[in-house]
Amino acid sequence: MNRGKPCCEAEAMRRIRQISVGDTVVGLSMLEQIFEDVAGADLSPDTIIRSELLRQVKIYNYVPKPAEEAYADAVFAEYQNELKRR
């Protein structure tokens, strides 16, 4: 997937994936690409993977400082589920 500017609104919408962060459902942009990048980077242990996921999520999405841990937990859990599905 191209990380550049989406060609249209439909493509932009396809790049957003909804996940639960605590009790709130949020839409995160570029999550599929972030998962591909992190999986391909051969990182370990889980704390490093979790940190890298959050770092990349924050590039494309606003993450409130007080919610960073909740976002990191949610994105990491979603990443692990994604790896199991592959």
PDB file of N, CA and C in Angstrom:
ATOM      1  N   MET A   1       0.849  -1.179   0.000  1.00  0.00           N
ATOM      2  CA  MET A   1       0.000   0.000   0.000  1.00  0.00           C
ATOM      3  C   MET A   1       0.890   1.237   0.000  1.00  0.00           C
ATOM      4  N   ASN A   2       0.513   2.190  -0.789  1.00  0.00           N
ATOM      5  CA  ASN A   2       1.246   3.449  -0.875  1.00  0.00           C
ATOM      6  C   ASN A   2       0.960   4.299   0.359  1.00  0.00           C
ATOM      7  N   ARG A   3       2.022   4.823   0.980  1.00  0.00           N
ATOM      8  CA  ARG A   3       1.846   5.657   2.168  1.00  0.00           C
ATOM      9  C   ARG A   3       1.580   7.110   1.810  1.00  0.00           C
ATOM     10  N   GLY A   4       1.614   7.437   0.546  1.00  0.00           N
ATOM     11  CA  GLY A   4       1.406   8.813   0.133  1.00  0.00           C
ATOM     12  C   GLY A   4      -0.030   9.250   0.318  1.00  0.00           C
ATOM     13  N   LYS A   5      -0.316  10.408  -0.210  1.00  0.00           N
ATOM     14  CA  LYS A   5      -1.654  10.983  -0.111  1.00  0.00           C
ATOM     15  C   LYS A   5      -2.658  10.075  -0.815  1.00  0.00           C
ATOM     16  N   PRO A   6      -3.784   9.785  -0.169  1.00  0.00           N
ATOM     17  CA  PRO A   6      -4.805   8.952  -0.804  1.00  0.00           C
ATOM     18  C   PRO A   6      -5.328   9.607  -2.080  1.00  0.00           C
ATOM     19  N   CYS A   7      -5.692   8.782  -3.044  1.00  0.00           N
ATOM     20  CA  CYS A   7      -6.176   9.312  -4.318  1.00  0.00           C
ATOM     21  C   CYS A   7      -7.589   9.872  -4.205  1.00  0.00           C
ATOM     22  N   CYS A   8      -8.349   9.371  -3.228  1.00  0.00           N
ATOM     23  CA  CYS A   8      -9.745   9.785  -3.100  1.00  0.00           C
ATOM     24  C   CYS A   8     -10.226   9.522  -1.677  1.00  0.00           C
ATOM     25  N   GLU A   9     -11.427   9.984  -1.384  1.00  0.00           N
ATOM     26  CA  GLU A   9     -11.984   9.782  -0.043  1.00  0.00           C
ATOM     27  C   GLU A   9     -12.159   8.308   0.282  1.00  0.00           C
ATOM     28  N   ALA A  10     -12.555   7.520  -0.706  1.00  0.00           N
ATOM     29  CA  ALA A  10     -12.757   6.092  -0.464  1.00  0.00           C
ATOM     30  C   ALA A  10     -11.455   5.416  -0.055  1.00  0.00           C
ATOM     31  N   GLU A  11     -10.360   5.767  -0.709  1.00  0.00           N
ATOM     32  CA  GLU A  11      -9.075   5.179  -0.337  1.00  0.00           C
ATOM     33  C   GLU A  11      -8.671   5.625   1.064  1.00  0.00           C
ATOM     34  N   ALA A  12      -8.892   6.874   1.384  1.00  0.00           N
ATOM     35  CA  ALA A  12      -8.569   7.380   2.721  1.00  0.00           C
ATOM     36  C   ALA A  12      -9.356   6.610   3.784  1.00  0.00           C
ATOM     37  N   MET A  13     -10.612   6.325   3.521  1.00  0.00           N
ATOM     38  CA  MET A  13     -11.438   5.579   4.471  1.00  0.00           C
ATOM     39  C   MET A  13     -10.948   4.140   4.627  1.00  0.00           C
ATOM     40  N   ARG A  14     -10.450   3.539   3.551  1.00  0.00           N
ATOM     41  CA  ARG A  14      -9.942   2.171   3.639  1.00  0.00           C
ATOM     42  C   ARG A  14      -8.697   2.089   4.506  1.00  0.00           C
ATOM     43  N   ARG A  15      -8.006   3.184   4.683  1.00  0.00           N
ATOM     44  CA  ARG A  15      -6.787   3.195   5.491  1.00  0.00           C
ATOM     45  C   ARG A  15      -7.072   3.378   6.978  1.00  0.00           C
ATOM     46  N   ILE A  16      -8.319   3.500   7.357  1.00  0.00           N
ATOM     47  CA  ILE A  16      -8.691   3.674   8.763  1.00  0.00           C
ATOM     48  C   ILE A  16      -9.260   2.361   9.288  1.00  0.00           C
ATOM     49  N   ARG A  17      -8.741   1.943  10.426  1.00  0.00           N
ATOM     50  CA  ARG A  17      -9.211   0.708  11.062  1.00  0.00           C
ATOM     51  C   ARG A  17      -9.670   1.050  12.475  1.00  0.00           C
ATOM     52  N   GLN A  18     -10.821   0.537  12.847  1.00  0.00           N
ATOM     53  CA  GLN A  18     -11.361   0.806  14.175  1.00  0.00           C
ATOM     54  C   GLN A  18     -10.890  -0.252  15.162  1.00  0.00           C
ATOM     55  N   ILE A  19     -10.445   0.219  16.341  1.00  0.00           N
ATOM     56  CA  ILE A  19     -10.088  -0.683  17.431  1.00  0.00           C
ATOM     57  C   ILE A  19     -10.624  -0.094  18.730  1.00  0.00           C
ATOM     58  N   SER A  20     -10.749  -0.937  19.738  1.00  0.00           N
ATOM     59  CA  SER A  20     -11.185  -0.474  21.058  1.00  0.00           C
ATOM     60  C   SER A  20      -9.975  -0.080  21.881  1.00  0.00           C
ATOM     61  N   VAL A  21     -10.008   1.145  22.378  1.00  0.00           N
ATOM     62  CA  VAL A  21      -8.988   1.636  23.300  1.00  0.00           C
ATOM     63  C   VAL A  21      -9.722   1.904  24.606  1.00  0.00           C
ATOM     64  N   GLY A  22      -9.534   1.021  25.562  1.00  0.00           N
ATOM     65  CA  GLY A  22     -10.331   1.111  26.782  1.00  0.00           C
ATOM     66  C   GLY A  22     -11.789   0.877  26.441  1.00  0.00           C
ATOM     67  N   ASP A  23     -12.637   1.808  26.822  1.00  0.00           N
ATOM     68  CA  ASP A  23     -14.073   1.705  26.543  1.00  0.00           C
ATOM     69  C   ASP A  23     -14.493   2.481  25.301  1.00  0.00           C
ATOM     70  N   THR A  24     -13.518   2.963  24.540  1.00  0.00           N
ATOM     71  CA  THR A  24     -13.812   3.809  23.390  1.00  0.00           C
ATOM     72  C   THR A  24     -13.325   3.155  22.102  1.00  0.00           C
ATOM     73  N   VAL A  25     -14.156   3.202  21.072  1.00  0.00           N
ATOM     74  CA  VAL A  25     -13.736   2.735  19.752  1.00  0.00           C
ATOM     75  C   VAL A  25     -13.147   3.929  19.015  1.00  0.00           C
ATOM     76  N   VAL A  26     -11.918   3.758  18.518  1.00  0.00           N
ATOM     77  CA  VAL A  26     -11.245   4.828  17.783  1.00  0.00           C
ATOM     78  C   VAL A  26     -10.866   4.324  16.398  1.00  0.00           C
ATOM     79  N   GLY A  27     -10.751   5.238  15.465  1.00  0.00           N
ATOM     80  CA  GLY A  27     -10.285   4.915  14.126  1.00  0.00           C
ATOM     81  C   GLY A  27      -8.835   5.323  13.986  1.00  0.00           C
ATOM     82  N   LEU A  28      -7.995   4.383  13.571  1.00  0.00           N
ATOM     83  CA  LEU A  28      -6.574   4.664  13.403  1.00  0.00           C
ATOM     84  C   LEU A  28      -6.188   4.521  11.941  1.00  0.00           C
ATOM     85  N   SER A  29      -5.511   5.512  11.448  1.00  0.00           N
ATOM     86  CA  SER A  29      -5.057   5.535  10.070  1.00  0.00           C
ATOM     87  C   SER A  29      -3.753   4.765   9.928  1.00  0.00           C
ATOM     88  N   MET A  30      -3.601   4.071   8.815  1.00  0.00           N
ATOM     89  CA  MET A  30      -2.365   3.390   8.418  1.00  0.00           C
ATOM     90  C   MET A  30      -2.017   2.190   9.293  1.00  0.00           C
ATOM     91  N   LEU A  31      -2.949   1.648  10.041  1.00  0.00           N
ATOM     92  CA  LEU A  31      -2.640   0.565  10.961  1.00  0.00           C
ATOM     93  C   LEU A  31      -2.153  -0.690  10.235  1.00  0.00           C
ATOM     94  N   GLU A  32      -2.751  -1.017   9.108  1.00  0.00           N
ATOM     95  CA  GLU A  32      -2.315  -2.200   8.350  1.00  0.00           C
ATOM     96  C   GLU A  32      -0.852  -2.071   7.938  1.00  0.00           C
ATOM     97  N   GLN A  33      -0.484  -0.912   7.426  1.00  0.00           N
ATOM     98  CA  GLN A  33       0.894  -0.682   6.992  1.00  0.00           C
ATOM     99  C   GLN A  33       1.848  -0.706   8.183  1.00  0.00           C
ATOM    100  N   ILE A  34       1.431  -0.137   9.291  1.00  0.00           N
ATOM    101  CA  ILE A  34       2.256  -0.151  10.507  1.00  0.00           C
ATOM    102  C   ILE A  34       2.501  -1.594  10.943  1.00  0.00           C
ATOM    103  N   PHE A  35       1.462  -2.414  10.941  1.00  0.00           N
ATOM    104  CA  PHE A  35       1.621  -3.817  11.318  1.00  0.00           C
ATOM    105  C   PHE A  35       2.600  -4.523  10.385  1.00  0.00           C
ATOM    106  N   GLU A  36       2.494  -4.273   9.088  1.00  0.00           N
ATOM    107  CA  GLU A  36       3.419  -4.881   8.126  1.00  0.00           C
ATOM    108  C   GLU A  36       4.853  -4.451   8.403  1.00  0.00           C
ATOM    109  N   ASP A  37       5.053  -3.164   8.649  1.00  0.00           N
ATOM    110  CA  ASP A  37       6.398  -2.647   8.927  1.00  0.00           C
ATOM    111  C   ASP A  37       6.997  -3.279  10.175  1.00  0.00           C
ATOM    112  N   VAL A  38       6.227  -3.331  11.240  1.00  0.00           N
ATOM    113  CA  VAL A  38       6.741  -3.857  12.506  1.00  0.00           C
ATOM    114  C   VAL A  38       6.988  -5.362  12.399  1.00  0.00           C
ATOM    115  N   ALA A  39       6.087  -6.085  11.759  1.00  0.00           N
ATOM    116  CA  ALA A  39       6.282  -7.528  11.591  1.00  0.00           C
ATOM    117  C   ALA A  39       7.540  -7.812  10.768  1.00  0.00           C
ATOM    118  N   GLY A  40       7.802  -6.983   9.774  1.00  0.00           N
ATOM    119  CA  GLY A  40       8.972  -7.167   8.921  1.00  0.00           C
ATOM    120  C   GLY A  40      10.274  -6.721   9.550  1.00  0.00           C
ATOM    121  N   ALA A  41      10.195  -6.006  10.660  1.00  0.00           N
ATOM    122  CA  ALA A  41      11.402  -5.478  11.301  1.00  0.00           C
ATOM    123  C   ALA A  41      12.064  -6.493  12.226  1.00  0.00           C
ATOM    124  N   ASP A  42      11.413  -7.621  12.481  1.00  0.00           N
ATOM    125  CA  ASP A  42      11.978  -8.689  13.311  1.00  0.00           C
ATOM    126  C   ASP A  42      12.426  -8.165  14.672  1.00  0.00           C
ATOM    127  N   LEU A  43      11.520  -7.459  15.350  1.00  0.00           N
ATOM    128  CA  LEU A  43      11.822  -6.872  16.657  1.00  0.00           C
ATOM    129  C   LEU A  43      11.469  -7.833  17.786  1.00  0.00           C
ATOM    130  N   SER A  44      12.170  -7.710  18.895  1.00  0.00           N
ATOM    131  CA  SER A  44      11.835  -8.415  20.128  1.00  0.00           C
ATOM    132  C   SER A  44      12.569  -7.718  21.265  1.00  0.00           C
ATOM    133  N   PRO A  45      12.182  -7.843  22.464  1.00  0.00           N
ATOM    134  CA  PRO A  45      11.010  -8.517  23.015  1.00  0.00           C
ATOM    135  C   PRO A  45       9.740  -7.702  22.792  1.00  0.00           C
ATOM    136  N   ASP A  46       8.663  -8.162  23.403  1.00  0.00           N
ATOM    137  CA  ASP A  46       7.360  -7.516  23.218  1.00  0.00           C
ATOM    138  C   ASP A  46       7.362  -6.043  23.606  1.00  0.00           C
ATOM    139  N   THR A  47       8.150  -5.659  24.595  1.00  0.00           N
ATOM    140  CA  THR A  47       8.182  -4.248  25.005  1.00  0.00           C
ATOM    141  C   THR A  47       8.706  -3.358  23.887  1.00  0.00           C
ATOM    142  N   ILE A  48       9.662  -3.847  23.123  1.00  0.00           N
ATOM    143  CA  ILE A  48      10.199  -3.089  21.981  1.00  0.00           C
ATOM    144  C   ILE A  48       9.150  -3.010  20.874  1.00  0.00           C
ATOM    145  N   ILE A  49       8.477  -4.119  20.609  1.00  0.00           N
ATOM    146  CA  ILE A  49       7.425  -4.147  19.583  1.00  0.00           C
ATOM    147  C   ILE A  49       6.320  -3.164  19.957  1.00  0.00           C
ATOM    148  N   ARG A  50       5.891  -3.213  21.191  1.00  0.00           N
ATOM    149  CA  ARG A  50       4.825  -2.322  21.685  1.00  0.00           C
ATOM    150  C   ARG A  50       5.220  -0.857  21.522  1.00  0.00           C
ATOM    151  N   SER A  51       6.450  -0.530  21.873  1.00  0.00           N
ATOM    152  CA  SER A  51       6.939   0.850  21.743  1.00  0.00           C
ATOM    153  C   SER A  51       6.989   1.295  20.289  1.00  0.00           C
ATOM    154  N   GLU A  52       7.435   0.416  19.411  1.00  0.00           N
ATOM    155  CA  GLU A  52       7.520   0.764  17.992  1.00  0.00           C
ATOM    156  C   GLU A  52       6.132   0.929  17.383  1.00  0.00           C
ATOM    157  N   LEU A  53       5.205   0.080  17.768  1.00  0.00           N
ATOM    158  CA  LEU A  53       3.830   0.235  17.282  1.00  0.00           C
ATOM    159  C   LEU A  53       3.275   1.595  17.672  1.00  0.00           C
ATOM    160  N   LEU A  54       3.430   1.970  18.933  1.00  0.00           N
ATOM    161  CA  LEU A  54       2.918   3.263  19.389  1.00  0.00           C
ATOM    162  C   LEU A  54       3.629   4.409  18.678  1.00  0.00           C
ATOM    163  N   ARG A  55       4.934   4.296  18.507  1.00  0.00           N
ATOM    164  CA  ARG A  55       5.691   5.357  17.830  1.00  0.00           C
ATOM    165  C   ARG A  55       5.136   5.604  16.424  1.00  0.00           C
ATOM    166  N   GLN A  56       4.906   4.511  15.681  1.00  0.00           N
ATOM    167  CA  GLN A  56       4.396   4.664  14.318  1.00  0.00           C
ATOM    168  C   GLN A  56       2.938   5.121  14.295  1.00  0.00           C
ATOM    169  N   VAL A  57       2.130   4.633  15.211  1.00  0.00           N
ATOM    170  CA  VAL A  57       0.732   5.078  15.277  1.00  0.00           C
ATOM    171  C   VAL A  57       0.683   6.587  15.478  1.00  0.00           C
ATOM    172  N   LYS A  58       1.564   7.114  16.319  1.00  0.00           N
ATOM    173  CA  LYS A  58       1.580   8.550  16.606  1.00  0.00           C
ATOM    174  C   LYS A  58       2.036   9.382  15.409  1.00  0.00           C
ATOM    175  N   ILE A  59       2.692   8.780  14.450  1.00  0.00           N
ATOM    176  CA  ILE A  59       3.080   9.506  13.237  1.00  0.00           C
ATOM    177  C   ILE A  59       1.835   9.885  12.436  1.00  0.00           C
ATOM    178  N   TYR A  60       0.867   8.985  12.360  1.00  0.00           N
ATOM    179  CA  TYR A  60      -0.304   9.168  11.501  1.00  0.00           C
ATOM    180  C   TYR A  60      -1.583   9.538  12.252  1.00  0.00           C
ATOM    181  N   ASN A  61      -1.553   9.471  13.576  1.00  0.00           N
ATOM    182  CA  ASN A  61      -2.762   9.663  14.373  1.00  0.00           C
ATOM    183  C   ASN A  61      -2.454  10.500  15.605  1.00  0.00           C
ATOM    184  N   TYR A  62      -3.461  11.225  16.065  1.00  0.00           N
ATOM    185  CA  TYR A  62      -3.327  11.949  17.326  1.00  0.00           C
ATOM    186  C   TYR A  62      -3.569  10.970  18.471  1.00  0.00           C
ATOM    187  N   VAL A  63      -2.620  10.900  19.387  1.00  0.00           N
ATOM    188  CA  VAL A  63      -2.757  10.073  20.585  1.00  0.00           C
ATOM    189  C   VAL A  63      -2.568  10.989  21.787  1.00  0.00           C
ATOM    190  N   PRO A  64      -3.619  11.210  22.582  1.00  0.00           N
ATOM    191  CA  PRO A  64      -3.479  12.072  23.757  1.00  0.00           C
ATOM    192  C   PRO A  64      -2.445  11.490  24.729  1.00  0.00           C
ATOM    193  N   LYS A  65      -1.600  12.334  25.251  1.00  0.00           N
ATOM    194  CA  LYS A  65      -0.536  11.902  26.162  1.00  0.00           C
ATOM    195  C   LYS A  65      -1.066  11.034  27.312  1.00  0.00           C
ATOM    196  N   PRO A  66      -2.162  11.443  27.982  1.00  0.00           N
ATOM    197  CA  PRO A  66      -2.653  10.608  29.089  1.00  0.00           C
ATOM    198  C   PRO A  66      -3.170   9.234  28.646  1.00  0.00           C
ATOM    199  N   ALA A  67      -3.445   9.063  27.365  1.00  0.00           N
ATOM    200  CA  ALA A  67      -3.998   7.804  26.860  1.00  0.00           C
ATOM    201  C   ALA A  67      -2.959   6.930  26.164  1.00  0.00           C
ATOM    202  N   GLU A  68      -1.698   7.328  26.179  1.00  0.00           N
ATOM    203  CA  GLU A  68      -0.675   6.583  25.438  1.00  0.00           C
ATOM    204  C   GLU A  68      -0.582   5.122  25.866  1.00  0.00           C
ATOM    205  N   GLU A  69      -0.629   4.851  27.156  1.00  0.00           N
ATOM    206  CA  GLU A  69      -0.539   3.459  27.626  1.00  0.00           C
ATOM    207  C   GLU A  69      -1.732   2.641  27.144  1.00  0.00           C
ATOM    208  N   ALA A  70      -2.919   3.223  27.201  1.00  0.00           N
ATOM    209  CA  ALA A  70      -4.117   2.519  26.736  1.00  0.00           C
ATOM    210  C   ALA A  70      -4.034   2.254  25.238  1.00  0.00           C
ATOM    211  N   TYR A  71      -3.561   3.235  24.462  1.00  0.00           N
ATOM    212  CA  TYR A  71      -3.380   3.041  23.025  1.00  0.00           C
ATOM    213  C   TYR A  71      -2.342   1.962  22.763  1.00  0.00           C
ATOM    214  N   ALA A  72      -1.218   2.003  23.483  1.00  0.00           N
ATOM    215  CA  ALA A  72      -0.161   1.009  23.289  1.00  0.00           C
ATOM    216  C   ALA A  72      -0.688  -0.395  23.574  1.00  0.00           C
ATOM    217  N   ASP A  73      -1.443  -0.547  24.649  1.00  0.00           N
ATOM    218  CA  ASP A  73      -2.021  -1.851  24.985  1.00  0.00           C
ATOM    219  C   ASP A  73      -2.969  -2.328  23.890  1.00  0.00           C
ATOM    220  N   ALA A  74      -3.848  -1.445  23.443  1.00  0.00           N
ATOM    221  CA  ALA A  74      -4.850  -1.813  22.444  1.00  0.00           C
ATOM    222  C   ALA A  74      -4.218  -2.143  21.098  1.00  0.00           C
ATOM    223  N   VAL A  75      -3.273  -1.332  20.667  1.00  0.00           N
ATOM    224  CA  VAL A  75      -2.628  -1.568  19.369  1.00  0.00           C
ATOM    225  C   VAL A  75      -1.801  -2.850  19.418  1.00  0.00           C
ATOM    226  N   PHE A  76      -1.105  -3.082  20.517  1.00  0.00           N
ATOM    227  CA  PHE A  76      -0.314  -4.304  20.645  1.00  0.00           C
ATOM    228  C   PHE A  76      -1.214  -5.540  20.625  1.00  0.00           C
ATOM    229  N   ALA A  77      -2.338  -5.492  21.326  1.00  0.00           N
ATOM    230  CA  ALA A  77      -3.281  -6.613  21.319  1.00  0.00           C
ATOM    231  C   ALA A  77      -3.822  -6.856  19.913  1.00  0.00           C
ATOM    232  N   GLU A  78      -4.150  -5.784  19.207  1.00  0.00           N
ATOM    233  CA  GLU A  78      -4.647  -5.915  17.830  1.00  0.00           C
ATOM    234  C   GLU A  78      -3.561  -6.484  16.917  1.00  0.00           C
ATOM    235  N   TYR A  79      -2.325  -6.061  17.117  1.00  0.00           N
ATOM    236  CA  TYR A  79      -1.182  -6.569  16.350  1.00  0.00           C
ATOM    237  C   TYR A  79      -1.023  -8.078  16.577  1.00  0.00           C
ATOM    238  N   GLN A  80      -1.093  -8.512  17.823  1.00  0.00           N
ATOM    239  CA  GLN A  80      -0.968  -9.939  18.117  1.00  0.00           C
ATOM    240  C   GLN A  80      -2.099 -10.733  17.470  1.00  0.00           C
ATOM    241  N   ASN A  81      -3.316 -10.205  17.509  1.00  0.00           N
ATOM    242  CA  ASN A  81      -4.446 -10.867  16.848  1.00  0.00           C
ATOM    243  C   ASN A  81      -4.232 -10.947  15.348  1.00  0.00           C
ATOM    244  N   GLU A  82      -3.699  -9.884  14.774  1.00  0.00           N
ATOM    245  CA  GLU A  82      -3.427  -9.857  13.331  1.00  0.00           C
ATOM    246  C   GLU A  82      -2.402 -10.927  12.959  1.00  0.00           C
ATOM    247  N   LEU A  83      -1.362 -11.066  13.755  1.00  0.00           N
ATOM    248  CA  LEU A  83      -0.343 -12.085  13.475  1.00  0.00           C
ATOM    249  C   LEU A  83      -0.930 -13.488  13.546  1.00  0.00           C
ATOM    250  N   LYS A  84      -1.851 -13.727  14.465  1.00  0.00           N
ATOM    251  CA  LYS A  84      -2.492 -15.043  14.585  1.00  0.00           C
ATOM    252  C   LYS A  84      -3.348 -15.357  13.363  1.00  0.00           C
ATOM    253  N   ARG A  85      -3.947 -14.320  12.765  1.00  0.00           N
ATOM    254  CA  ARG A  85      -4.810 -14.509  11.589  1.00  0.00           C
ATOM    255  C   ARG A  85      -4.009 -14.788  10.326  1.00  0.00           C
ATOM    256  N   ARG A  86      -2.746 -14.429  10.320  1.00  0.00           N
ATOM    257  CA  ARG A  86      -1.930 -14.604   9.103  1.00  0.00           C
ATOM    258  C   ARG A  86      -1.498 -16.025   8.905  1.00  0.00           C
TER     259      ARG A  86
END
